[in-house]
Amino acid sequence: MRRIVFCNKGLAIALLSSAMLTGLLFYLQNTTWIETESAPLDSDEDSSLSLPSRLNNIFIDFIAEHLKQKKEQSLLQNGLSEQELIARLLDESASLDIRKLDAWRLAVMGTLNARLALLSLLENGSDAMRAIVAEMLGHSRWADIPELLASLFQEHNLKISRGAVSGLILHGGSKSMEMLRDLLLNETTDEAIKRYIAYRLGNVQSAAALETLKIAISTPSLSEETFRHIAVSLGKFPFQQTSGIFRQIMDNPHLNAELKTDATESLIHAGKASLPFLQEISATNADPEVRASAAWAAGAHPNTGHLGRQFADLLQSEAHDDVRRRLYESMMRQTDIPADTLLDRTLTETKTATRVAAANMLAMALQQPGTGAAVQHSYDQKIVPQLLATALSDESINLRYRAVFALTRAGTETAAAALRTIGQQGDPQISGLAARKIALLTH
């Protein structure tokens, strides 16, 4: 059985920090401009962190802000004069991507000539350029931007209106938020614009945005689709501030399962306080679709990792195949998978998708300290042959891929032999994947 062991905790932390910073730098270098959003509301994340962890987060935030400012400065200093930037912005033969970047540069520069050029395009440009300019004006600090953008909604042009919404979001401030709230609550506003506002407000993470969403979700005339977007946006806020709303959503018999699943899955962003709620829904909700989504959200949650035994208890009593499949998938991210107690349950699964999900979960368990040799032996003798048969069957390519992934995760000699067989006997797609996985196992 193959295992990777970090013998030096300090080295592991250093490598992780380096990887995070490298990823951050890559992200910033590939971002054309950075949308400025308000700081998150009082999150529940920091309360459980140790002092070194908090200091590390502060350090990473400081580096991120420094890199962001550096990137923006490098984008601003492009060797073109203001006059040359304006000329290229107004050149209809230039690509929209270049003109969009130039619109951002001019909005940030904030000079009189820059303003005149942007407003000229806002009035006379194509729909695409007018939408771009409306959004980029949100990066400027001219006091009348909210009023300028608000006037665009009178044209009832969806593309331009979306640009104006983005501009108001970026511009921020009480006046911009007031306008967005009025648009969201106004019965005459186009439903597509209401949905877009609801979607974007979840990324603002300000007290004003949260209050607007809370007011809007209780509006009687709200359409189902706008309600869905509001619920998903509310899922991005700390759960302590939205728990009552999500309980009402789950308890409302008039809301369909699809809406409830969307709302439930949005809670992966809501901080660790949402985990007990997700576990409760995955165990008690009457609708199997909702239970399955709650199980997935709990497993995908960034604050999870030690829910293996709780999920195992749910598995023993869950009668619905799809819910069990989601629970197995959720368990793959846990560090305390009780493999000994789940082996028999796995062997009773008859639906292929559920059985393959269980096999992947047990393959992860094989890599955890404390998993007994008996589990590995049973996996090799009873589960590997099933995975081999699935990989060589006429099941969907997705399921066959997952069977190969399970064999790779298991990493035993028996699993490797099965992969070699798939490489020789499988169709071109599945044999190619198996060959690549064998190469990984042997290096």
Protein backbone atom coordinates (compact mmCIF):
# COMPACT_ATOMS: atom_id res chain seq x y z
CA MET A 1 0.00 0.00 0.00
CA ARG A 2 1.41 3.38 -1.02
CA ARG A 3 1.48 6.18 1.50
CA ILE A 4 3.05 9.63 1.59
CA VAL A 5 4.22 10.68 5.03
CA PHE A 6 5.38 14.18 5.94
CA CYS A 7 8.03 13.66 8.58
CA ASN A 8 8.60 17.35 9.11
CA LYS A 9 5.56 19.41 10.05
CA GLY A 10 7.40 22.68 9.54
CA LEU A 11 8.38 21.66 6.03
CA ALA A 12 4.78 20.75 5.24
CA ILE A 13 3.55 24.17 6.41
CA ALA A 14 6.25 25.94 4.46
CA LEU A 15 5.39 24.01 1.30
CA LEU A 16 1.69 24.74 1.76
CA SER A 17 2.30 28.47 2.26
CA SER A 18 4.56 28.54 -0.77
CA ALA A 19 1.94 26.78 -2.88
CA MET A 20 -0.77 29.17 -1.73
CA LEU A 21 1.33 32.21 -2.57
CA THR A 22 2.36 30.76 -5.93
CA GLY A 23 -1.28 30.08 -6.78
CA LEU A 24 -2.24 33.56 -5.69
CA LEU A 25 0.46 35.12 -7.84
CA PHE A 26 -0.63 33.03 -10.82
CA TYR A 27 -4.24 34.17 -10.29
CA LEU A 28 -3.30 37.82 -10.10
CA GLN A 29 -1.03 37.63 -13.11
CA ASN A 30 -3.87 36.20 -15.15
CA THR A 31 -6.49 38.71 -13.98
CA THR A 32 -7.10 41.66 -16.25
CA TRP A 33 -8.35 43.84 -13.43
CA ILE A 34 -9.36 43.29 -9.84
CA GLU A 35 -12.91 43.91 -8.73
CA THR A 36 -12.93 45.76 -5.44
CA GLU A 37 -15.41 44.39 -2.92
CA SER A 38 -16.14 45.27 0.65
CA ALA A 39 -14.47 43.26 3.40
CA PRO A 40 -16.46 40.24 4.59
CA LEU A 41 -18.85 40.64 7.46
CA ASP A 42 -17.74 39.32 10.83
CA SER A 43 -16.88 35.79 9.80
CA ASP A 44 -16.91 32.86 12.14
CA GLU A 45 -13.66 31.55 10.64
CA ASP A 46 -11.17 33.48 12.79
CA SER A 47 -12.57 32.57 16.19
CA SER A 48 -11.22 29.02 16.07
CA LEU A 49 -7.80 29.83 14.63
CA SER A 50 -4.66 29.73 16.73
CA LEU A 51 -2.52 32.86 17.01
CA PRO A 52 0.08 31.54 14.53
CA SER A 53 -2.73 30.73 12.06
CA ARG A 54 -4.18 34.22 12.41
CA LEU A 55 -0.76 35.78 11.92
CA ASN A 56 -0.22 33.59 8.88
CA ASN A 57 -3.56 34.72 7.42
CA ILE A 58 -2.68 38.35 8.08
CA PHE A 59 0.65 37.82 6.35
CA ILE A 60 -0.97 36.15 3.34
CA ASP A 61 -3.61 38.91 3.13
CA PHE A 62 -0.84 41.53 3.25
CA ILE A 63 1.08 39.78 0.46
CA ALA A 64 -2.11 39.40 -1.59
CA GLU A 65 -2.90 43.09 -1.31
CA HIS A 66 0.69 43.99 -2.15
CA LEU A 67 0.65 41.75 -5.24
CA LYS A 68 -2.72 43.12 -6.28
CA GLN A 69 -1.49 46.72 -6.08
CA LYS A 70 1.68 45.79 -7.92
CA LYS A 71 -0.28 44.09 -10.67
CA GLU A 72 -2.62 47.04 -11.06
CA GLN A 73 0.32 49.43 -11.20
CA SER A 74 1.97 47.34 -13.90
CA LEU A 75 -1.24 47.35 -15.92
CA LEU A 76 -1.54 51.10 -15.58
CA GLN A 77 2.06 51.69 -16.63
CA ASN A 78 1.73 50.35 -20.15
CA GLY A 79 3.89 52.90 -21.99
CA LEU A 80 0.93 54.66 -23.63
CA SER A 81 0.06 58.27 -23.03
CA GLU A 82 -3.43 59.33 -22.02
CA GLN A 83 -4.04 60.52 -25.59
CA GLU A 84 -2.90 57.19 -27.04
CA LEU A 85 -5.11 55.26 -24.60
CA ILE A 86 -8.12 57.35 -25.57
CA ALA A 87 -7.38 56.90 -29.26
CA ARG A 88 -7.23 53.12 -28.88
CA LEU A 89 -10.37 53.07 -26.74
CA LEU A 90 -12.27 54.88 -29.50
CA ASP A 91 -10.80 52.69 -32.26
CA GLU A 92 -13.57 50.32 -33.30
CA SER A 93 -11.09 48.04 -35.04
CA ALA A 94 -9.34 47.21 -31.76
CA SER A 95 -10.46 44.09 -29.89
CA LEU A 96 -13.06 44.40 -27.14
CA ASP A 97 -10.63 42.88 -24.63
CA ILE A 98 -8.03 45.60 -25.28
CA ARG A 99 -10.63 48.36 -25.23
CA LYS A 100 -12.07 46.97 -21.98
CA LEU A 101 -8.65 47.12 -20.35
CA ASP A 102 -8.13 50.65 -21.65
CA ALA A 103 -11.55 51.68 -20.29
CA TRP A 104 -10.45 50.41 -16.87
CA ARG A 105 -7.15 52.30 -17.11
CA LEU A 106 -8.88 55.55 -17.99
CA ALA A 107 -11.50 55.13 -15.26
CA VAL A 108 -8.76 54.58 -12.67
CA MET A 109 -6.74 57.54 -14.00
CA GLY A 110 -9.78 59.73 -13.44
CA THR A 111 -8.70 62.72 -15.54
CA LEU A 112 -11.12 65.07 -17.30
CA ASN A 113 -10.09 63.82 -20.75
CA ALA A 114 -10.53 60.22 -19.62
CA ARG A 115 -14.02 61.01 -18.34
CA LEU A 116 -15.03 62.73 -21.59
CA ALA A 117 -13.82 59.76 -23.66
CA LEU A 118 -15.64 57.22 -21.51
CA LEU A 119 -18.88 59.21 -21.46
CA SER A 120 -18.67 59.67 -25.21
CA LEU A 121 -18.59 55.88 -25.66
CA LEU A 122 -21.29 55.43 -23.03
CA GLU A 123 -23.56 57.58 -25.16
CA ASN A 124 -22.60 56.63 -28.70
CA GLY A 125 -20.77 53.28 -28.60
CA SER A 126 -22.04 49.86 -29.57
CA ASP A 127 -24.15 47.97 -27.03
CA ALA A 128 -21.16 45.81 -26.13
CA MET A 129 -18.87 48.80 -25.55
CA ARG A 130 -21.52 50.73 -23.65
CA ALA A 131 -21.95 47.75 -21.31
CA ILE A 132 -18.17 47.55 -20.86
CA VAL A 133 -17.85 51.27 -20.12
CA ALA A 134 -20.76 51.14 -17.67
CA GLU A 135 -18.98 48.41 -15.72
CA MET A 136 -15.56 50.07 -15.86
CA LEU A 137 -16.98 53.35 -14.59
CA GLY A 138 -17.48 51.51 -11.33
CA HIS A 139 -13.69 51.66 -10.87
CA SER A 140 -13.70 55.46 -11.04
CA ARG A 141 -14.31 57.81 -8.14
CA TRP A 142 -16.40 60.45 -9.86
CA ALA A 143 -19.23 61.41 -7.53
CA ASP A 144 -22.00 61.29 -10.14
CA ILE A 145 -21.34 57.74 -11.36
CA PRO A 146 -24.37 56.21 -9.56
CA GLU A 147 -26.74 58.66 -11.28
CA LEU A 148 -25.08 58.14 -14.67
CA LEU A 149 -25.42 54.39 -14.39
CA ALA A 150 -28.97 54.54 -13.04
CA SER A 151 -30.11 56.43 -16.15
CA LEU A 152 -29.08 53.46 -18.33
CA PHE A 153 -31.83 51.24 -16.91
CA GLN A 154 -34.44 53.42 -18.61
CA GLU A 155 -33.34 52.05 -21.98
CA HIS A 156 -34.45 48.50 -21.06
CA ASN A 157 -31.44 47.02 -22.83
CA LEU A 158 -30.44 43.85 -20.96
CA LYS A 159 -26.76 43.90 -21.93
CA ILE A 160 -26.27 47.55 -20.98
CA SER A 161 -28.31 47.14 -17.81
CA ARG A 162 -26.10 44.25 -16.70
CA GLY A 163 -23.07 46.46 -17.25
CA ALA A 164 -24.70 49.19 -15.15
CA VAL A 165 -25.42 46.72 -12.34
CA SER A 166 -21.77 45.62 -12.36
CA GLY A 167 -20.67 49.26 -12.32
CA LEU A 168 -22.85 50.05 -9.30
CA ILE A 169 -21.56 46.94 -7.50
CA LEU A 170 -17.96 47.99 -8.13
CA HIS A 171 -18.54 51.64 -7.30
CA GLY A 172 -20.11 50.71 -3.98
CA GLY A 173 -21.20 53.26 -1.44
CA SER A 174 -24.58 53.93 0.07
CA LYS A 175 -26.02 55.60 -3.01
CA SER A 176 -25.12 52.71 -5.32
CA MET A 177 -26.48 50.14 -2.88
CA GLU A 178 -29.70 52.12 -2.47
CA MET A 179 -30.22 52.12 -6.23
CA LEU A 180 -29.61 48.38 -6.47
CA ARG A 181 -32.06 47.76 -3.62
CA ASP A 182 -34.73 49.88 -5.32
CA LEU A 183 -34.25 48.00 -8.58
CA LEU A 184 -34.44 44.63 -6.87
CA LEU A 185 -37.61 45.49 -4.95
CA ASN A 186 -39.37 47.38 -7.75
CA GLU A 187 -42.11 45.26 -9.35
CA THR A 188 -41.52 46.92 -12.75
CA THR A 189 -37.84 45.95 -12.98
CA ASP A 190 -37.08 43.34 -15.61
CA GLU A 191 -36.84 39.89 -13.98
CA ALA A 192 -33.52 39.18 -15.70
CA ILE A 193 -32.04 42.29 -14.09
CA LYS A 194 -33.47 41.34 -10.70
CA ARG A 195 -31.82 37.92 -10.97
CA TYR A 196 -28.50 39.48 -11.95
CA ILE A 197 -28.60 41.93 -9.04
CA ALA A 198 -29.45 39.13 -6.64
CA TYR A 199 -26.57 37.06 -7.99
CA ARG A 200 -24.01 39.89 -7.77
CA LEU A 201 -25.00 41.06 -4.27
CA GLY A 202 -23.79 37.78 -2.79
CA ASN A 203 -20.25 38.74 -3.78
CA VAL A 204 -20.39 42.18 -2.17
CA GLN A 205 -20.31 40.86 1.40
CA SER A 206 -21.39 44.11 3.03
CA ALA A 207 -24.01 44.79 5.68
CA ALA A 208 -26.04 46.79 3.15
CA ALA A 209 -26.00 43.93 0.64
CA LEU A 210 -27.08 41.44 3.29
CA GLU A 211 -29.93 43.66 4.45
CA THR A 212 -31.10 44.15 0.86
CA LEU A 213 -31.15 40.41 0.23
CA LYS A 214 -33.00 39.75 3.48
CA ILE A 215 -35.68 42.29 2.61
CA ALA A 216 -35.98 41.03 -0.95
CA ILE A 217 -36.41 37.34 -0.10
CA SER A 218 -39.50 38.15 1.97
CA THR A 219 -41.15 40.12 -0.86
CA PRO A 220 -44.46 38.40 -1.79
CA SER A 221 -44.21 39.22 -5.52
CA LEU A 222 -40.78 37.65 -5.92
CA SER A 223 -40.46 35.19 -8.82
CA GLU A 224 -39.15 31.71 -8.12
CA GLU A 225 -35.96 32.24 -10.15
CA THR A 226 -35.12 35.53 -8.41
CA PHE A 227 -35.85 33.87 -5.06
CA ARG A 228 -33.39 31.12 -6.01
CA HIS A 229 -30.65 33.63 -6.84
CA ILE A 230 -31.23 35.51 -3.58
CA ALA A 231 -31.07 32.31 -1.55
CA VAL A 232 -27.81 31.28 -3.23
CA SER A 233 -26.32 34.74 -2.57
CA LEU A 234 -27.38 34.57 1.07
CA GLY A 235 -25.47 31.31 1.31
CA LYS A 236 -22.24 33.27 0.84
CA PHE A 237 -22.70 35.18 4.09
CA PRO A 238 -21.78 33.86 7.56
CA PHE A 239 -24.42 31.36 8.62
CA GLN A 240 -25.02 33.06 11.99
CA GLN A 241 -26.61 35.93 10.06
CA THR A 242 -28.74 33.82 7.72
CA SER A 243 -29.64 30.67 9.68
CA GLY A 244 -33.24 31.71 10.29
CA ILE A 245 -33.83 32.27 6.58
CA PHE A 246 -32.41 28.90 5.58
CA ARG A 247 -34.49 27.10 8.18
CA GLN A 248 -37.59 28.82 6.80
CA ILE A 249 -36.63 27.74 3.30
CA MET A 250 -36.25 24.12 4.38
CA ASP A 251 -39.52 24.17 6.33
CA ASN A 252 -41.57 25.81 3.56
CA PRO A 253 -43.75 23.09 1.94
CA HIS A 254 -44.48 25.34 -1.06
CA LEU A 255 -40.84 25.51 -2.24
CA ASN A 256 -39.73 22.77 -4.61
CA ALA A 257 -36.82 20.42 -3.99
CA GLU A 258 -34.65 21.95 -6.73
CA LEU A 259 -34.74 25.35 -5.06
CA LYS A 260 -34.00 23.82 -1.67
CA THR A 261 -31.05 21.88 -3.04
CA ASP A 262 -29.58 25.03 -4.60
CA ALA A 263 -29.99 26.87 -1.31
CA THR A 264 -28.46 23.99 0.65
CA GLU A 265 -25.45 23.63 -1.62
CA SER A 266 -24.73 27.36 -1.43
CA LEU A 267 -23.91 26.91 2.27
CA ILE A 268 -20.46 25.52 1.51
CA HIS A 269 -19.47 29.22 1.57
CA ALA A 270 -21.21 30.06 4.84
CA GLY A 271 -18.52 29.16 7.39
CA LYS A 272 -18.25 26.25 9.78
CA ALA A 273 -21.39 27.28 11.68
CA SER A 274 -23.42 25.89 8.76
CA LEU A 275 -22.03 22.35 9.16
CA PRO A 276 -24.39 21.18 11.95
CA PHE A 277 -27.33 22.47 9.91
CA LEU A 278 -26.15 20.59 6.80
CA GLN A 279 -25.70 17.41 8.83
CA GLU A 280 -29.18 17.83 10.28
CA ILE A 281 -30.72 18.27 6.81
CA SER A 282 -28.81 15.30 5.39
CA ALA A 283 -30.19 13.13 8.21
CA THR A 284 -33.75 14.33 8.64
CA ASN A 285 -35.16 16.05 5.56
CA ALA A 286 -38.01 14.12 4.00
CA ASP A 287 -36.86 14.73 0.41
CA PRO A 288 -33.98 12.50 -0.75
CA GLU A 289 -32.79 15.15 -3.24
CA VAL A 290 -32.39 17.66 -0.42
CA ARG A 291 -30.70 15.09 1.84
CA ALA A 292 -28.27 14.24 -0.94
CA SER A 293 -27.41 17.89 -1.58
CA ALA A 294 -26.91 18.54 2.11
CA ALA A 295 -24.57 15.55 2.34
CA TRP A 296 -22.59 16.80 -0.66
CA ALA A 297 -22.37 20.33 0.75
CA ALA A 298 -21.18 19.07 4.12
CA GLY A 299 -18.53 16.95 2.47
CA ALA A 300 -17.38 19.72 0.11
CA HIS A 301 -17.34 22.26 2.92
CA PRO A 302 -13.88 23.83 3.47
CA ASN A 303 -14.30 23.41 7.24
CA THR A 304 -14.99 19.69 7.12
CA GLY A 305 -12.59 16.79 7.56
CA HIS A 306 -13.71 14.98 10.70
CA LEU A 307 -17.24 13.90 9.83
CA GLY A 308 -16.45 10.36 8.77
CA ARG A 309 -18.17 8.64 11.67
CA GLN A 310 -21.24 10.86 11.47
CA PHE A 311 -21.58 10.12 7.75
CA ALA A 312 -21.04 6.42 8.43
CA ASP A 313 -23.95 6.43 10.88
CA LEU A 314 -26.17 8.10 8.26
CA LEU A 315 -25.13 5.52 5.66
CA GLN A 316 -26.27 2.64 7.82
CA SER A 317 -29.82 3.99 7.99
CA GLU A 318 -30.15 5.69 4.57
CA ALA A 319 -32.45 3.80 2.21
CA HIS A 320 -32.04 5.96 -0.91
CA ASP A 321 -29.26 5.06 -3.39
CA ASP A 322 -28.48 8.60 -4.54
CA VAL A 323 -28.24 9.88 -0.98
CA ARG A 324 -25.82 7.10 -0.09
CA ARG A 325 -23.77 7.91 -3.18
CA ARG A 326 -23.48 11.53 -2.07
CA LEU A 327 -22.54 10.42 1.44
CA TYR A 328 -19.79 8.17 0.08
CA GLU A 329 -18.51 11.08 -2.05
CA SER A 330 -18.59 13.37 0.98
CA MET A 331 -16.65 10.85 3.03
CA MET A 332 -13.76 10.95 0.56
CA ARG A 333 -12.74 14.33 2.05
CA GLN A 334 -12.81 13.10 5.62
CA THR A 335 -9.75 12.09 7.61
CA ASP A 336 -11.55 9.61 9.88
CA ILE A 337 -13.22 7.11 7.56
CA PRO A 338 -14.25 4.03 9.60
CA ALA A 339 -13.40 1.58 6.84
CA ASP A 340 -13.91 -1.54 8.97
CA THR A 341 -17.55 -0.67 9.61
CA LEU A 342 -18.27 0.42 6.01
CA LEU A 343 -16.79 -2.50 4.12
CA ASP A 344 -19.86 -4.71 4.48
CA ARG A 345 -22.14 -1.80 3.53
CA THR A 346 -20.09 -1.21 0.40
CA LEU A 347 -20.35 -4.84 -0.63
CA THR A 348 -24.15 -4.71 -0.44
CA GLU A 349 -24.46 -1.83 -2.91
CA THR A 350 -26.14 -2.95 -6.13
CA LYS A 351 -26.42 0.29 -8.11
CA THR A 352 -23.22 0.84 -10.11
CA ALA A 353 -22.83 4.57 -9.41
CA THR A 354 -23.28 4.06 -5.67
CA ARG A 355 -20.96 1.05 -5.60
CA VAL A 356 -18.20 2.94 -7.47
CA ALA A 357 -18.57 5.93 -5.13
CA ALA A 358 -18.22 3.56 -2.16
CA ALA A 359 -15.16 1.97 -3.76
CA ASN A 360 -13.51 5.38 -4.15
CA MET A 361 -14.29 6.18 -0.51
CA LEU A 362 -12.73 2.93 0.69
CA ALA A 363 -9.72 3.50 -1.55
CA MET A 364 -9.17 6.81 0.28
CA ALA A 365 -9.53 4.96 3.59
CA LEU A 366 -6.72 2.59 2.60
CA GLN A 367 -4.35 5.57 2.70
CA GLN A 368 -5.35 6.55 6.23
CA PRO A 369 -3.32 5.38 9.23
CA GLY A 370 -5.13 2.75 11.23
CA THR A 371 -6.93 1.04 8.35
CA GLY A 372 -6.34 -2.66 8.94
CA ALA A 373 -4.75 -5.14 6.55
CA ALA A 374 -8.03 -7.06 6.50
CA VAL A 375 -9.76 -4.16 4.75
CA GLN A 376 -7.05 -4.02 2.09
CA HIS A 377 -7.30 -7.78 1.57
CA SER A 378 -11.09 -7.61 1.18
CA TYR A 379 -10.74 -4.63 -1.16
CA ASP A 380 -8.34 -6.57 -3.38
CA GLN A 381 -10.40 -9.74 -3.35
CA LYS A 382 -13.94 -8.39 -3.59
CA ILE A 383 -13.94 -4.77 -4.81
CA VAL A 384 -11.11 -4.66 -7.35
CA PRO A 385 -12.81 -7.31 -9.56
CA GLN A 386 -16.02 -5.23 -9.53
CA LEU A 387 -14.10 -2.10 -10.53
CA LEU A 388 -12.33 -3.98 -13.32
CA ALA A 389 -15.65 -5.25 -14.64
CA THR A 390 -17.15 -1.75 -14.52
CA ALA A 391 -14.18 -0.21 -16.34
CA LEU A 392 -14.50 -2.76 -19.15
CA SER A 393 -18.31 -2.59 -19.33
CA ASP A 394 -20.62 -0.46 -21.46
CA GLU A 395 -21.47 1.84 -18.55
CA SER A 396 -21.13 5.60 -19.08
CA ILE A 397 -17.60 6.90 -19.61
CA ASN A 398 -17.96 8.90 -16.40
CA LEU A 399 -18.59 5.77 -14.32
CA ARG A 400 -15.79 3.87 -16.03
CA TYR A 401 -13.41 6.75 -15.35
CA ARG A 402 -14.43 6.71 -11.70
CA ALA A 403 -13.69 3.00 -11.53
CA VAL A 404 -10.16 3.70 -12.80
CA PHE A 405 -9.78 6.51 -10.27
CA ALA A 406 -10.75 4.13 -7.45
CA LEU A 407 -8.14 1.59 -8.56
CA THR A 408 -5.53 4.31 -8.73
CA ARG A 409 -6.41 5.61 -5.28
CA ALA A 410 -6.22 2.12 -3.81
CA GLY A 411 -2.65 1.82 -5.07
CA THR A 412 -2.28 -1.87 -4.21
CA GLU A 413 -0.53 -4.41 -6.43
CA THR A 414 -3.87 -6.06 -7.19
CA ALA A 415 -5.36 -2.70 -8.22
CA ALA A 416 -2.30 -1.97 -10.40
CA ALA A 417 -2.73 -5.35 -12.11
CA ALA A 418 -6.36 -4.45 -12.84
CA LEU A 419 -5.24 -1.15 -14.34
CA ARG A 420 -2.80 -2.99 -16.62
CA THR A 421 -5.64 -5.23 -17.77
CA ILE A 422 -7.80 -2.18 -18.51
CA GLY A 423 -4.90 -0.66 -20.42
CA GLN A 424 -4.76 -3.76 -22.61
CA GLN A 425 -8.45 -4.58 -23.01
CA GLY A 426 -10.34 -1.30 -22.60
CA ASP A 427 -11.57 0.96 -25.39
CA PRO A 428 -9.17 3.76 -26.43
CA GLN A 429 -10.53 6.32 -23.96
CA ILE A 430 -10.47 4.11 -20.88
CA SER A 431 -7.24 2.27 -21.80
CA GLY A 432 -5.43 5.57 -22.29
CA LEU A 433 -6.54 6.78 -18.87
CA ALA A 434 -5.48 3.49 -17.27
CA ALA A 435 -2.06 3.68 -18.91
CA ARG A 436 -1.51 7.19 -17.57
CA LYS A 437 -2.52 6.12 -14.07
CA ILE A 438 -0.18 3.10 -14.18
CA ALA A 439 2.66 5.45 -15.11
CA LEU A 440 1.84 7.61 -12.07
CA LEU A 441 1.82 4.60 -9.75
CA THR A 442 5.21 3.40 -10.93
CA HIS A 443 7.02 6.73 -10.49
